């Protein structure tokens, strides 16, 4: 039985991509090369591993049983090649203000332990909620979902926080233990200026049921938001952890009465199949 590494890699790529064409693109080879490699593996097995039809390909019963083993072989080979090549380059981890703090620190530590590489933290503001992932400038990122990235990114939730409203210290709302939509009507709001419509909408007061909005003031970063609130320019929808990590004199955080929460997550590119990324995620 002649089982070669290129054949194993081709089989895994086709099974994951769902087509020979996309698998060839991901491997950087021609489609006939991928097809021939899979046929060699099927010849070794003595029966088909994939069912080919007009909608693409799908695994046979045997193919399904073999995939996990084949993927493990391909991953081990990739890791061996990286070690032989001396790949010890650093990894960039992007983060945004409200995703910072203890969770980001824990992620940095986990990346260092799992990869054995230098970690390069990079801070992002509201103009890039993906924290460099979509632009390709980050390897991993601590983000605050939801994001309008389609299938480009995968996310793993690290934790959640109570949502809260930041108000000036002298505002009557600052004396309340919690507030609801009726308490927040008729106010001016500081809202994030971001190109991501889904991310921006979740941070708009309309997302918590506030319909009577007197006006909006745009902000480009968390620090700017807090400065505007402290100056009495408006109130802002943030999270309880913002108060922990960005305490600002003159600003009080009041929890929302319905107990609604927001999440912090680690994100990575779906197409990034590097073993080092899989190793980091497995350790979280």
Protein backbone atom coordinates (compact mmCIF):
# COMPACT_ATOMS: atom_id res chain seq x y z
CA UNK A 1 0.00 0.00 0.00
CA UNK A 2 1.57 3.28 -1.18
CA UNK A 3 0.09 6.11 0.95
CA UNK A 4 1.89 9.37 0.18
CA UNK A 5 1.75 12.65 2.06
CA UNK A 6 0.63 14.66 -1.04
CA UNK A 7 -2.27 12.24 -1.47
CA UNK A 8 -3.28 12.61 2.18
CA UNK A 9 -3.08 16.40 1.98
CA UNK A 10 -5.11 16.44 -1.23
CA UNK A 11 -7.84 14.26 0.31
CA UNK A 12 -8.07 16.47 3.41
CA UNK A 13 -8.16 19.65 1.31
CA UNK A 14 -10.96 18.33 -0.94
CA UNK A 15 -13.00 17.08 2.03
CA UNK A 16 -12.73 20.44 3.76
CA UNK A 17 -13.28 22.62 0.69
CA UNK A 18 -16.08 20.54 -0.82
CA UNK A 19 -14.62 20.76 -4.31
CA UNK A 20 -11.46 19.82 -6.20
CA UNK A 21 -11.14 23.33 -7.60
CA UNK A 22 -11.16 25.06 -4.19
CA UNK A 23 -8.84 22.41 -2.78
CA UNK A 24 -6.36 23.03 -5.60
CA UNK A 25 -6.48 26.76 -4.88
CA UNK A 26 -5.82 26.23 -1.17
CA UNK A 27 -2.88 23.91 -1.91
CA UNK A 28 -1.44 26.09 -4.66
CA UNK A 29 -1.45 23.30 -7.27
CA UNK A 30 -3.52 22.44 -10.35
CA UNK A 31 -6.90 20.71 -10.15
CA UNK A 32 -5.67 17.66 -12.13
CA UNK A 33 -2.83 17.27 -9.61
CA UNK A 34 -5.31 17.14 -6.73
CA UNK A 35 -7.59 14.74 -8.60
CA UNK A 36 -4.72 12.37 -9.39
CA UNK A 37 -3.48 12.45 -5.78
CA UNK A 38 -6.93 11.56 -4.40
CA UNK A 39 -7.28 8.74 -6.92
CA UNK A 40 -3.98 7.30 -5.72
CA UNK A 41 -5.24 7.30 -2.14
CA UNK A 42 -8.52 5.70 -3.22
CA UNK A 43 -6.54 3.06 -5.10
CA UNK A 44 -4.69 2.27 -1.90
CA UNK A 45 -8.00 2.00 -0.05
CA UNK A 46 -9.50 -0.15 -2.78
CA UNK A 47 -12.74 1.83 -2.78
CA UNK A 48 -13.97 5.44 -3.14
CA UNK A 49 -13.40 7.95 -0.36
CA UNK A 50 -15.39 10.74 -2.02
CA UNK A 51 -18.66 10.87 -3.93
CA UNK A 52 -18.48 13.27 -6.86
CA UNK A 53 -21.63 14.91 -8.20
CA UNK A 54 -22.80 18.19 -9.73
CA UNK A 55 -23.07 19.86 -6.31
CA UNK A 56 -19.44 19.11 -5.43
CA UNK A 57 -18.04 16.24 -3.40
CA UNK A 58 -19.00 14.51 -0.18
CA UNK A 59 -17.40 11.81 1.89
CA UNK A 60 -18.25 8.15 1.64
CA UNK A 61 -18.69 6.20 4.87
CA UNK A 62 -15.06 5.10 4.71
CA UNK A 63 -13.92 8.61 3.80
CA UNK A 64 -15.67 9.98 6.85
CA UNK A 65 -13.88 7.51 9.09
CA UNK A 66 -10.50 8.29 7.54
CA UNK A 67 -10.74 12.08 7.50
CA UNK A 68 -9.78 12.74 11.13
CA UNK A 69 -6.74 10.44 10.83
CA UNK A 70 -5.71 11.98 7.51
CA UNK A 71 -6.07 15.51 8.93
CA UNK A 72 -3.90 14.56 11.91
CA UNK A 73 -1.20 13.24 9.56
CA UNK A 74 -1.30 16.44 7.46
CA UNK A 75 -1.13 18.65 10.55
CA UNK A 76 1.79 16.69 12.01
CA UNK A 77 3.65 16.98 8.71
CA UNK A 78 3.02 20.74 8.59
CA UNK A 79 4.33 21.15 12.12
CA UNK A 80 7.42 19.08 11.33
CA UNK A 81 8.14 21.18 8.24
CA UNK A 82 7.76 24.40 10.27
CA UNK A 83 10.21 23.11 12.90
CA UNK A 84 12.72 21.99 10.28
CA UNK A 85 12.47 25.39 8.61
CA UNK A 86 13.06 27.11 11.94
CA UNK A 87 9.78 29.06 11.75
CA UNK A 88 9.84 31.02 15.01
CA UNK A 89 8.42 34.30 13.73
CA UNK A 90 6.24 36.28 16.11
CA UNK A 91 2.45 36.36 16.06
CA UNK A 92 0.39 39.55 16.00
CA UNK A 93 -2.68 39.57 18.25
CA UNK A 94 -5.09 42.41 17.63
CA UNK A 95 -7.46 43.74 20.27
CA UNK A 96 -9.91 46.56 20.85
CA UNK A 97 -10.45 48.62 23.96
CA UNK A 98 -13.47 46.83 25.35
CA UNK A 99 -11.98 43.45 24.55
CA UNK A 100 -8.84 44.28 26.51
CA UNK A 101 -7.98 43.53 30.10
CA UNK A 102 -7.58 40.16 31.78
CA UNK A 103 -8.99 38.10 28.91
CA UNK A 104 -6.57 39.62 26.43
CA UNK A 105 -3.68 39.04 28.84
CA UNK A 106 -4.70 35.39 29.24
CA UNK A 107 -4.82 35.00 25.46
CA UNK A 108 -1.34 36.51 25.11
CA UNK A 109 -0.03 34.01 27.68
CA UNK A 110 -1.77 31.13 25.92
CA UNK A 111 -0.31 32.11 22.56
CA UNK A 112 3.19 32.25 24.01
CA UNK A 113 2.87 28.85 25.70
CA UNK A 114 1.31 27.05 22.73
CA UNK A 115 3.49 28.57 20.01
CA UNK A 116 6.75 29.33 21.76
CA UNK A 117 6.82 32.56 19.79
CA UNK A 118 6.93 36.26 20.54
CA UNK A 119 3.52 37.93 20.82
CA UNK A 120 3.08 41.33 19.20
CA UNK A 121 -0.04 43.06 20.63
CA UNK A 122 -1.66 45.60 18.32
CA UNK A 123 -4.43 47.96 19.39
CA UNK A 124 -7.35 48.80 17.04
CA UNK A 125 -10.22 51.28 17.27
CA UNK A 126 -13.75 51.45 15.92
CA UNK A 127 -12.63 51.72 12.28
CA UNK A 128 -11.65 48.01 12.30
CA UNK A 129 -13.73 45.80 14.63
CA UNK A 130 -12.03 42.71 13.14
CA UNK A 131 -8.80 44.02 14.71
CA UNK A 132 -6.66 43.41 11.66
CA UNK A 133 -7.92 39.96 10.69
CA UNK A 134 -9.75 41.00 7.52
CA UNK A 135 -6.83 43.21 6.48
CA UNK A 136 -4.38 40.38 7.15
CA UNK A 137 -2.33 42.35 9.67
CA UNK A 138 -3.21 40.15 12.68
CA UNK A 139 -2.88 36.41 13.22
CA UNK A 140 -5.46 36.28 16.01
CA UNK A 141 -7.66 38.92 17.60
CA UNK A 142 -9.72 39.57 20.70
CA UNK A 143 -12.98 40.99 19.37
CA UNK A 144 -16.37 42.12 20.60
CA UNK A 145 -19.05 40.37 18.46
CA UNK A 146 -21.21 40.53 16.47
CA UNK A 147 -19.24 41.33 13.30
CA UNK A 148 -20.41 41.46 9.68
CA UNK A 149 -17.62 39.28 8.32
CA UNK A 150 -19.68 36.53 6.71
CA UNK A 151 -17.78 33.25 6.66
CA UNK A 152 -14.34 34.90 6.64
CA UNK A 153 -13.76 34.57 10.38
CA UNK A 154 -14.28 31.97 13.08
CA UNK A 155 -14.85 33.03 16.70
CA UNK A 156 -14.57 31.34 20.07
CA UNK A 157 -16.31 33.12 22.94
CA UNK A 158 -14.01 33.82 25.90
CA UNK A 159 -16.59 35.33 28.23
CA UNK A 160 -19.43 37.81 28.60
CA UNK A 161 -20.15 41.08 30.41
CA UNK A 162 -23.26 42.92 31.54
CA UNK A 163 -24.13 45.80 29.23
CA UNK A 164 -24.16 49.23 30.81
CA UNK A 165 -24.75 52.89 30.03
CA UNK A 166 -22.00 55.42 30.66
CA UNK A 167 -23.39 58.75 31.91
CA UNK A 168 -21.83 61.97 33.29
CA UNK A 169 -21.30 61.82 37.05
CA UNK A 170 -23.77 64.65 37.62
CA UNK A 171 -26.53 63.10 35.51
CA UNK A 172 -29.68 61.97 37.42
CA UNK A 173 -29.26 58.50 35.89
CA UNK A 174 -25.97 58.12 37.78
CA UNK A 175 -27.91 57.71 41.03
CA UNK A 176 -29.86 54.69 39.75
CA UNK A 177 -28.84 51.07 40.33
CA UNK A 178 -30.06 50.05 36.88
CA UNK A 179 -31.82 51.61 33.90
CA UNK A 180 -34.16 50.45 31.15
CA UNK A 181 -35.26 51.84 27.76
CA UNK A 182 -37.91 54.10 29.33
CA UNK A 183 -35.26 55.78 31.52
CA UNK A 184 -33.07 56.45 28.47
CA UNK A 185 -35.60 58.07 26.16
CA UNK A 186 -35.04 61.57 24.82
CA UNK A 187 -31.27 61.56 25.31
CA UNK A 188 -28.31 62.36 23.05
CA UNK A 189 -26.09 59.32 22.50
CA UNK A 190 -22.40 58.91 21.76
CA UNK A 191 -22.25 56.16 19.12
CA UNK A 192 -19.28 54.45 17.40
CA UNK A 193 -18.29 55.47 13.90
CA UNK A 194 -17.44 52.21 12.16
CA UNK A 195 -17.67 50.76 8.63
CA UNK A 196 -19.10 47.49 10.04
CA UNK A 197 -22.92 47.89 10.06
CA UNK A 198 -23.62 44.85 12.24
CA UNK A 199 -21.03 45.78 14.84
CA UNK A 200 -22.21 49.41 14.84
CA UNK A 201 -25.92 48.49 15.14
CA UNK A 202 -25.31 46.31 18.21
CA UNK A 203 -23.76 49.33 19.93
CA UNK A 204 -26.59 51.68 19.01
CA UNK A 205 -29.25 52.42 21.68
CA UNK A 206 -31.88 51.05 19.30
CA UNK A 207 -30.45 47.57 19.97
CA UNK A 208 -31.70 47.72 23.58
CA UNK A 209 -35.12 49.09 22.70
CA UNK A 210 -34.53 52.85 22.95
CA UNK A 211 -36.66 54.53 20.29
CA UNK A 212 -36.79 58.18 21.36
CA UNK A 213 -33.27 59.43 20.56
CA UNK A 214 -32.64 63.18 20.71
CA UNK A 215 -29.41 63.07 18.73
CA UNK A 216 -26.17 61.22 18.05
CA UNK A 217 -22.49 62.17 18.42
CA UNK A 218 -19.99 59.90 16.67
CA UNK A 219 -16.83 58.59 18.29
CA UNK A 220 -13.82 56.84 16.77
CA UNK A 221 -12.43 55.11 19.90
CA UNK A 222 -13.34 54.08 23.42
CA UNK A 223 -11.23 56.82 24.99
CA UNK A 224 -12.96 59.44 22.83
CA UNK A 225 -16.34 58.03 23.83
CA UNK A 226 -15.55 58.41 27.52
CA UNK A 227 -14.22 61.94 27.01
CA UNK A 228 -17.44 62.95 25.24
CA UNK A 229 -19.57 61.44 28.00
CA UNK A 230 -17.53 63.18 30.71
CA UNK A 231 -17.94 66.48 28.83
CA UNK A 232 -21.73 66.06 28.85
CA UNK A 233 -22.01 65.57 25.08
CA UNK A 234 -24.14 62.45 25.47
CA UNK A 235 -24.48 59.04 27.09
CA UNK A 236 -23.07 55.80 25.65
CA UNK A 237 -23.93 52.12 25.49
CA UNK A 238 -20.85 50.19 26.65
CA UNK A 239 -20.12 47.22 28.91
CA UNK A 240 -19.45 46.72 32.60
CA UNK A 241 -15.86 45.71 31.88
CA UNK A 242 -15.22 49.11 30.27
CA UNK A 243 -15.51 50.59 33.75
CA UNK A 244 -12.99 48.05 35.03
CA UNK A 245 -10.37 48.74 32.36
CA UNK A 246 -11.07 52.35 31.38
CA UNK A 247 -12.20 54.05 34.56
CA UNK A 248 -12.67 57.73 33.77
CA UNK A 249 -13.22 60.48 36.31
CA UNK A 250 -16.57 62.13 35.76
CA UNK A 251 -18.18 59.05 34.18
CA UNK A 252 -20.49 56.58 35.94
CA UNK A 253 -21.56 53.21 34.54
CA UNK A 254 -25.14 52.14 35.21
CA UNK A 255 -26.16 48.56 34.43
CA UNK A 256 -29.09 47.78 32.16
CA UNK A 257 -32.04 46.43 34.15
CA UNK A 258 -32.79 43.50 31.84
CA UNK A 259 -29.40 41.90 32.49
CA UNK A 260 -28.50 41.75 28.78
CA UNK A 261 -24.92 40.86 28.03
CA UNK A 262 -22.24 41.24 25.38
CA UNK A 263 -19.44 38.80 24.60
CA UNK A 264 -15.69 38.88 24.19
CA UNK A 265 -14.22 36.34 21.75
CA UNK A 266 -10.99 35.26 20.11
CA UNK A 267 -11.23 35.31 16.32
CA UNK A 268 -9.14 33.98 13.47
CA UNK A 269 -9.41 33.66 9.69
CA UNK A 270 -11.33 30.56 8.59
CA UNK A 271 -8.79 30.03 5.80
CA UNK A 272 -5.85 30.10 8.21
CA UNK A 273 -5.06 26.40 8.65
CA UNK A 274 -1.57 26.82 10.07
CA UNK A 275 -0.84 24.21 12.72
CA UNK A 276 0.34 26.88 15.14
CA UNK A 277 -3.12 28.51 15.09
CA UNK A 278 -4.85 25.15 15.70
CA UNK A 279 -2.43 24.45 18.55
CA UNK A 280 -3.14 27.80 20.20
CA UNK A 281 -6.91 27.36 19.93
CA UNK A 282 -6.75 23.83 21.33
CA UNK A 283 -5.14 25.21 24.47
CA UNK A 284 -7.75 27.89 25.17
